[in-house]
Amino acid sequence: WEQRKLGDVVKNIGTGNSKFQIQEKSSDASYAILGSTSVIGYDNNFDFEGNFVLTARVGANAGTLYQHSGKVKISDNTVYIQSDNLSFLYNLLNRFDLKKLSFGTGQPLVKSSELKKLALNFPNKEEQEKIGNFFNQLDYTIALHLCKQRQLGLLKQRLIKEILPQSDSTLPHLRFANFRKPWEQHQLKEVLKVNSGRDYKHLNEGNIPVYGTGGYMLSVDGKLSDVDGIGLGRKGTIDKPQYLKAPFWTVDTLFYLTPSPNYDIYFLYTLIQNVNWKSMDESTGVPSLSKSVIERVTLTFPILEEQQKIGSFFREFDNTISLHQQKIAHLKALKSTILNK
């Protein structure tokens, strides 16, 4: 490969010059307006046509790249690089920290004039195209799994609205076969126990996971529960319930909820994900929930057998979503490894 200045290899490097009234996409406004981090709107005219790698000119996102192709306008706070071998260039530049080109004692600043002088190693055009096509296919595969994951998430939300009764109703719109009895309302204190997390620092390293409001933290040699539970934030992140497989430990900012007899844990988890916990925030600062507030929440429940049927259904659904998340993580790690090769 040969070392070349970026300005000598690509078609053009510059800064956008457009100021505009952002519009939604419509029949008379179909050309993308490219901002510093993504498409920010649409216009009925365009200034540029081609393949672009873009970054913010100034601010925290200066040096963070994205790519776009087509007829576009480019905002005046965005630096662009136009190239025929878009995928190769995008992946090459992503391995280089463009923040090193940042100037200014205040906010980070990327100058197109400095980008033009950036020296990088390039193969010939044919090898660039071969590498670019390879990463295009890999990126397309990742995008497909991301799309499937989003679609499954949306489908799950729609199914929750059909399978769980809404508002004050005691009957859902959709039911599994052979279930007819109306659902009954109960306060959560009747169907589960709200347990407090505790400090773990006196424990030794082990194989039992410790969870906080942000998820898994580390593993220790002690446990708080021998049965599966539901993690719910006491302080901080209060609207992200977690399914906790026993044995586990939770810190003092994370309650763990365990079911009473005749209540299915995964059905409860599905219900609790559907509660607007932010609306119950008791603080004026850091979001907070109390045990008493959780216990007073009233929800609607079917008999145990129907709970188990619904819980099993959503467990399989969540496992499918999780498989796509794992596949995406694997493909991203694979891409990173291949880039380094």
Protein backbone atom coordinates (compact mmCIF):
# COMPACT_ATOMS: atom_id res chain seq x y z
CA TRP A 1 0.00 0.00 0.00
CA GLU A 2 1.16 3.58 -0.60
CA GLN A 3 1.00 6.53 1.75
CA ARG A 4 -1.07 9.31 0.22
CA LYS A 5 -2.60 12.56 1.43
CA LEU A 6 -6.34 12.19 1.83
CA GLY A 7 -6.98 15.29 -0.31
CA ASP A 8 -5.13 13.67 -3.23
CA VAL A 9 -7.15 10.44 -3.11
CA VAL A 10 -10.79 11.49 -2.61
CA LYS A 11 -12.99 13.58 -4.90
CA ASN A 12 -13.54 16.47 -2.50
CA ILE A 13 -13.22 17.59 1.13
CA GLY A 14 -15.08 20.61 2.42
CA THR A 15 -17.55 22.15 4.83
CA GLY A 16 -21.27 22.38 4.11
CA ASN A 17 -22.73 25.82 3.45
CA SER A 18 -26.47 25.32 3.79
CA LYS A 19 -28.81 27.13 6.12
CA PHE A 20 -32.38 25.99 5.63
CA GLN A 21 -35.86 25.42 6.92
CA ILE A 22 -36.07 21.75 7.88
CA GLN A 23 -39.05 19.90 6.42
CA GLU A 24 -40.48 16.42 6.77
CA LYS A 25 -39.98 14.07 3.82
CA SER A 26 -42.71 14.57 1.22
CA SER A 27 -43.26 14.53 -2.52
CA ASP A 28 -41.78 18.03 -2.88
CA ALA A 29 -39.10 17.68 -0.17
CA SER A 30 -37.22 14.46 -0.87
CA TYR A 31 -33.53 15.43 -0.69
CA ALA A 32 -31.76 14.67 2.58
CA ILE A 33 -30.29 17.47 4.67
CA LEU A 34 -27.13 16.14 6.32
CA GLY A 35 -26.28 17.48 9.76
CA SER A 36 -23.29 16.87 11.98
CA THR A 37 -24.37 13.39 13.13
CA SER A 38 -27.21 12.20 10.85
CA VAL A 39 -29.96 13.18 8.41
CA ILE A 40 -31.80 16.06 10.09
CA GLY A 41 -34.55 16.79 7.56
CA TYR A 42 -35.45 17.10 3.89
CA ASP A 43 -35.53 19.83 1.27
CA ASN A 44 -36.90 20.25 -2.26
CA ASN A 45 -33.46 21.19 -3.66
CA PHE A 46 -30.01 19.70 -3.39
CA ASP A 47 -26.46 21.08 -3.53
CA PHE A 48 -24.37 17.90 -3.75
CA GLU A 49 -24.65 14.43 -5.26
CA GLY A 50 -22.45 11.45 -4.45
CA ASN A 51 -21.08 9.33 -1.61
CA PHE A 52 -20.08 11.12 1.59
CA VAL A 53 -18.32 10.47 4.89
CA LEU A 54 -19.35 13.21 7.32
CA THR A 55 -18.49 14.53 10.76
CA ALA A 56 -19.38 17.48 12.97
CA ARG A 57 -17.11 20.47 12.35
CA VAL A 58 -17.18 21.58 15.99
CA GLY A 59 -18.33 20.23 19.35
CA ALA A 60 -18.37 16.89 21.14
CA ASN A 61 -19.20 14.98 17.93
CA ALA A 62 -16.30 16.41 15.94
CA GLY A 63 -14.42 13.39 14.56
CA THR A 64 -17.36 10.97 14.90
CA LEU A 65 -18.19 9.66 11.41
CA TYR A 66 -21.28 8.57 9.51
CA GLN A 67 -21.88 7.90 5.82
CA HIS A 68 -24.58 8.78 3.31
CA SER A 69 -25.15 8.52 -0.46
CA GLY A 70 -27.46 10.47 -2.77
CA LYS A 71 -28.55 13.99 -3.63
CA VAL A 72 -28.17 16.10 -0.52
CA LYS A 73 -27.73 19.42 1.19
CA ILE A 74 -25.02 19.61 3.86
CA SER A 75 -25.33 21.89 6.86
CA ASP A 76 -22.72 24.52 7.59
CA ASN A 77 -21.65 22.79 10.83
CA THR A 78 -20.66 19.59 8.98
CA VAL A 79 -17.41 18.56 7.30
CA TYR A 80 -17.75 16.14 4.37
CA ILE A 81 -15.42 13.87 2.40
CA GLN A 82 -16.70 12.78 -1.01
CA SER A 83 -15.35 9.52 -2.45
CA ASP A 84 -16.22 6.82 -4.98
CA ASN A 85 -14.99 4.05 -2.63
CA LEU A 86 -17.23 5.04 0.25
CA SER A 87 -17.21 1.85 2.33
CA PHE A 88 -13.43 1.46 2.15
CA LEU A 89 -12.86 5.11 3.11
CA TYR A 90 -15.41 5.07 5.94
CA ASN A 91 -13.87 1.97 7.54
CA LEU A 92 -10.32 3.25 7.01
CA LEU A 93 -11.07 6.60 8.67
CA ASN A 94 -12.96 4.94 11.52
CA ARG A 95 -9.68 3.30 12.55
CA PHE A 96 -8.03 6.72 12.79
CA ASP A 97 -8.84 9.10 15.64
CA LEU A 98 -9.84 12.26 13.80
CA LYS A 99 -10.00 14.08 17.12
CA LYS A 100 -6.20 14.17 16.83
CA LEU A 101 -6.78 16.74 14.10
CA SER A 102 -8.95 18.78 16.42
CA PHE A 103 -7.93 22.38 17.02
CA GLY A 104 -8.95 24.98 19.55
CA THR A 105 -8.66 25.38 23.29
CA GLY A 106 -12.42 25.26 23.77
CA GLN A 107 -14.68 22.87 21.88
CA PRO A 108 -13.12 20.24 19.58
CA LEU A 109 -12.80 21.52 16.00
CA VAL A 110 -12.14 19.56 12.78
CA LYS A 111 -10.90 21.58 9.79
CA SER A 112 -11.34 20.39 6.21
CA SER A 113 -7.95 21.94 5.40
CA GLU A 114 -6.29 19.61 7.94
CA LEU A 115 -8.20 16.58 6.68
CA LYS A 116 -6.78 17.19 3.19
CA LYS A 117 -3.24 16.88 4.59
CA LEU A 118 -3.95 13.67 6.54
CA ALA A 119 -1.49 10.96 5.38
CA LEU A 120 -2.88 7.41 5.24
CA ASN A 121 -1.96 4.16 3.49
CA PHE A 122 -4.07 3.19 0.46
CA PRO A 123 -4.06 0.13 -1.82
CA ASN A 124 -4.89 0.43 -5.52
CA LYS A 125 -8.45 1.13 -6.64
CA GLU A 126 -9.33 -2.53 -7.28
CA GLU A 127 -8.28 -3.62 -3.79
CA GLN A 128 -10.15 -0.69 -2.24
CA GLU A 129 -13.31 -1.83 -4.05
CA LYS A 130 -12.82 -5.45 -2.96
CA ILE A 131 -12.37 -4.45 0.69
CA GLY A 132 -15.22 -1.93 0.50
CA ASN A 133 -17.63 -4.51 -0.95
CA PHE A 134 -16.70 -6.99 1.79
CA PHE A 135 -17.46 -4.51 4.57
CA ASN A 136 -20.61 -3.37 2.78
CA GLN A 137 -21.92 -6.94 2.99
CA LEU A 138 -20.93 -7.24 6.66
CA ASP A 139 -22.56 -3.88 7.51
CA TYR A 140 -25.69 -4.93 5.58
CA THR A 141 -25.90 -8.16 7.62
CA ILE A 142 -25.57 -6.20 10.87
CA ALA A 143 -28.25 -3.75 9.68
CA LEU A 144 -30.63 -6.64 8.91
CA HIS A 145 -30.31 -7.99 12.44
CA LEU A 146 -30.77 -4.49 13.91
CA CYS A 147 -33.91 -4.06 11.80
CA LYS A 148 -35.25 -7.47 12.88
CA GLN A 149 -34.54 -6.62 16.52
CA ARG A 150 -36.43 -3.30 16.22
CA GLN A 151 -39.36 -5.00 14.46
CA LEU A 152 -39.58 -7.67 17.15
CA GLY A 153 -39.54 -4.97 19.83
CA LEU A 154 -42.38 -3.11 18.14
CA LEU A 155 -44.33 -6.34 17.65
CA LYS A 156 -43.89 -7.19 21.32
CA GLN A 157 -45.32 -3.81 22.36
CA ARG A 158 -48.35 -4.32 20.10
CA LEU A 159 -48.92 -7.83 21.46
CA ILE A 160 -48.68 -6.60 25.05
CA LYS A 161 -51.53 -4.18 24.32
CA GLU A 162 -53.63 -7.02 22.88
CA ILE A 163 -52.79 -9.74 25.41
CA LEU A 164 -52.92 -7.62 28.59
CA PRO A 165 -56.17 -5.82 29.54
CA GLN A 166 -56.01 -2.05 29.08
CA SER A 167 -57.19 0.63 31.52
CA ASP A 168 -59.91 -0.68 33.86
CA SER A 169 -60.89 -3.65 31.69
CA THR A 170 -60.76 -7.19 33.09
CA LEU A 171 -60.67 -8.89 29.68
CA PRO A 172 -57.87 -8.71 27.07
CA HIS A 173 -58.52 -8.45 23.32
CA LEU A 174 -56.57 -11.65 22.60
CA ARG A 175 -56.51 -14.82 24.70
CA PHE A 176 -55.03 -18.27 24.42
CA ALA A 177 -57.56 -21.03 23.81
CA ASN A 178 -59.71 -22.40 26.64
CA PHE A 179 -59.34 -19.42 28.99
CA ARG A 180 -62.58 -17.62 29.78
CA LYS A 181 -62.50 -16.28 33.34
CA PRO A 182 -62.28 -12.50 33.84
CA TRP A 183 -59.00 -11.18 35.21
CA GLU A 184 -58.91 -9.76 38.74
CA GLN A 185 -57.29 -6.59 40.06
CA HIS A 186 -54.74 -6.82 42.85
CA GLN A 187 -52.25 -4.47 44.42
CA LEU A 188 -48.67 -5.63 43.92
CA LYS A 189 -48.23 -6.15 47.68
CA GLU A 190 -50.73 -9.04 47.32
CA VAL A 191 -48.79 -10.83 44.58
CA LEU A 192 -45.10 -10.18 45.23
CA LYS A 193 -42.58 -9.13 47.85
CA VAL A 194 -40.44 -6.00 47.43
CA ASN A 195 -36.97 -6.79 48.76
CA SER A 196 -34.15 -4.31 49.35
CA GLY A 197 -30.69 -4.68 47.87
CA ARG A 198 -27.58 -4.38 50.05
CA ASP A 199 -23.94 -3.40 49.91
CA TYR A 200 -21.69 -6.18 48.56
CA LYS A 201 -18.25 -4.82 49.47
CA HIS A 202 -17.77 -7.23 52.40
CA LEU A 203 -18.06 -10.19 50.00
CA ASN A 204 -15.28 -11.95 48.13
CA GLU A 205 -14.97 -12.55 44.40
CA GLY A 206 -17.16 -15.44 43.25
CA ASN A 207 -19.57 -16.57 40.54
CA ILE A 208 -22.84 -14.98 41.73
CA PRO A 209 -23.76 -11.86 39.75
CA VAL A 210 -24.30 -8.48 41.38
CA TYR A 211 -26.80 -6.14 39.67
CA GLY A 212 -27.31 -2.40 39.88
CA THR A 213 -29.78 -0.14 38.07
CA GLY A 214 -27.53 -0.28 34.98
CA GLY A 215 -27.38 -4.09 34.93
CA TYR A 216 -24.60 -6.56 35.76
CA MET A 217 -21.69 -5.14 37.76
CA LEU A 218 -19.44 -7.99 38.99
CA SER A 219 -19.60 -11.43 40.65
CA VAL A 220 -19.27 -12.30 44.35
CA ASP A 221 -19.48 -15.32 46.66
CA GLY A 222 -22.76 -14.33 48.37
CA LYS A 223 -26.41 -14.25 47.33
CA LEU A 224 -29.59 -12.47 48.33
CA SER A 225 -32.05 -14.74 46.54
CA ASP A 226 -32.40 -18.41 45.60
CA VAL A 227 -35.43 -17.72 43.41
CA ASP A 228 -35.67 -15.67 40.20
CA GLY A 229 -36.66 -12.05 40.71
CA ILE A 230 -37.32 -8.74 38.99
CA GLY A 231 -34.92 -5.87 39.51
CA LEU A 232 -36.53 -2.42 39.81
CA GLY A 233 -34.61 0.76 40.52
CA ARG A 234 -35.01 2.42 43.90
CA LYS A 235 -32.92 5.42 42.87
CA GLY A 236 -31.54 6.58 39.54
CA THR A 237 -32.83 4.45 36.67
CA ILE A 238 -36.31 3.50 37.88
CA ASP A 239 -37.96 2.61 34.55
CA LYS A 240 -35.78 -0.31 33.34
CA PRO A 241 -36.98 -3.54 35.02
CA GLN A 242 -34.52 -6.45 34.79
CA TYR A 243 -35.16 -10.17 34.91
CA LEU A 244 -32.78 -11.61 37.53
CA LYS A 245 -31.99 -15.31 37.33
CA ALA A 246 -31.18 -16.82 40.74
CA PRO A 247 -28.87 -16.86 42.55
CA PHE A 248 -28.07 -13.13 42.50
CA TRP A 249 -27.22 -10.08 44.63
CA THR A 250 -28.54 -6.52 44.14
CA VAL A 251 -27.04 -3.25 45.38
CA ASP A 252 -29.02 -0.88 47.62
CA THR A 253 -30.26 1.24 44.70
CA LEU A 254 -32.04 -1.78 43.17
CA PHE A 255 -35.10 -3.48 44.67
CA TYR A 256 -35.66 -7.11 43.76
CA LEU A 257 -39.24 -8.38 43.54
CA THR A 258 -40.08 -12.04 44.17
CA PRO A 259 -43.47 -13.67 43.44
CA SER A 260 -45.98 -14.99 45.92
CA PRO A 261 -47.38 -18.53 45.43
CA ASN A 262 -49.76 -18.88 42.44
CA TYR A 263 -48.08 -16.05 40.50
CA ASP A 264 -45.82 -16.65 37.50
CA ILE A 265 -42.54 -14.71 37.59
CA TYR A 266 -42.25 -14.06 33.85
CA PHE A 267 -45.87 -12.94 33.63
CA LEU A 268 -45.13 -10.50 36.47
CA TYR A 269 -41.99 -9.33 34.63
CA THR A 270 -44.06 -8.63 31.50
CA LEU A 271 -46.64 -6.66 33.53
CA ILE A 272 -44.00 -4.64 35.38
CA GLN A 273 -42.26 -3.68 32.12
CA ASN A 274 -45.58 -2.18 31.05
CA VAL A 275 -45.95 0.16 34.07
CA ASN A 276 -45.07 3.86 33.72
CA TRP A 277 -42.69 3.97 36.69
CA LYS A 278 -41.39 7.45 35.86
CA SER A 279 -44.83 8.86 36.62
CA MET A 280 -44.41 7.59 40.20
CA ASP A 281 -41.10 9.37 40.82
CA GLU A 282 -41.21 10.79 44.36
CA SER A 283 -38.14 13.03 44.19
CA THR A 284 -37.35 16.53 42.98
CA GLY A 285 -33.80 15.48 42.06
CA VAL A 286 -32.55 11.96 41.33
CA PRO A 287 -35.53 9.76 40.27
CA SER A 288 -36.67 7.58 43.19
CA LEU A 289 -39.23 4.90 44.05
CA SER A 290 -40.24 3.69 47.51
CA LYS A 291 -41.36 0.25 48.57
CA SER A 292 -44.80 1.58 49.52
CA VAL A 293 -45.36 3.19 46.10
CA ILE A 294 -44.52 -0.08 44.33
CA GLU A 295 -46.76 -2.10 46.65
CA ARG A 296 -49.76 0.20 46.00
CA VAL A 297 -49.66 -0.24 42.20
CA THR A 298 -52.84 -2.04 41.08
CA LEU A 299 -52.68 -4.42 38.09
CA THR A 300 -54.95 -7.07 36.59
CA PHE A 301 -54.21 -10.81 36.82
CA PRO A 302 -55.67 -14.02 35.33
CA ILE A 303 -55.53 -17.46 36.94
CA LEU A 304 -52.09 -19.09 37.32
CA GLU A 305 -52.41 -21.34 34.26
CA GLU A 306 -53.13 -18.38 31.97
CA GLN A 307 -50.29 -16.41 33.60
CA GLN A 308 -47.92 -19.29 32.83
CA LYS A 309 -49.09 -19.47 29.22
CA ILE A 310 -48.58 -15.72 28.70
CA GLY A 311 -45.30 -15.71 30.63
CA SER A 312 -43.93 -18.60 28.55
CA PHE A 313 -44.96 -16.82 25.33
CA PHE A 314 -43.15 -13.58 26.22
CA ARG A 315 -40.13 -15.47 27.56
CA GLU A 316 -39.70 -17.08 24.12
CA PHE A 317 -40.24 -13.69 22.49
CA ASP A 318 -37.57 -12.04 24.66
CA ASN A 319 -35.17 -14.92 24.01
CA THR A 320 -35.57 -14.36 20.26
CA ILE A 321 -34.82 -10.64 20.65
CA SER A 322 -31.82 -11.52 22.84
CA LEU A 323 -30.49 -13.89 20.16
CA HIS A 324 -30.51 -11.04 17.64
CA GLN A 325 -28.73 -8.78 20.15
CA GLN A 326 -26.06 -11.45 20.64
CA LYS A 327 -25.71 -11.93 16.88
CA ILE A 328 -25.27 -8.16 16.40
CA ALA A 329 -22.60 -8.04 19.13
CA HIS A 330 -20.81 -11.02 17.56
CA LEU A 331 -20.87 -9.48 14.08
CA LYS A 332 -19.59 -6.13 15.39
CA ALA A 333 -16.77 -7.88 17.23
CA LEU A 334 -15.99 -9.89 14.10
CA LYS A 335 -15.89 -6.70 12.04
CA SER A 336 -13.52 -5.07 14.53
CA THR A 337 -11.22 -8.10 14.44
CA ILE A 338 -11.19 -8.19 10.64
CA LEU A 339 -10.48 -4.43 10.44
CA ASN A 340 -7.41 -5.00 12.59
CA LYS A 341 -6.24 -7.76 10.25
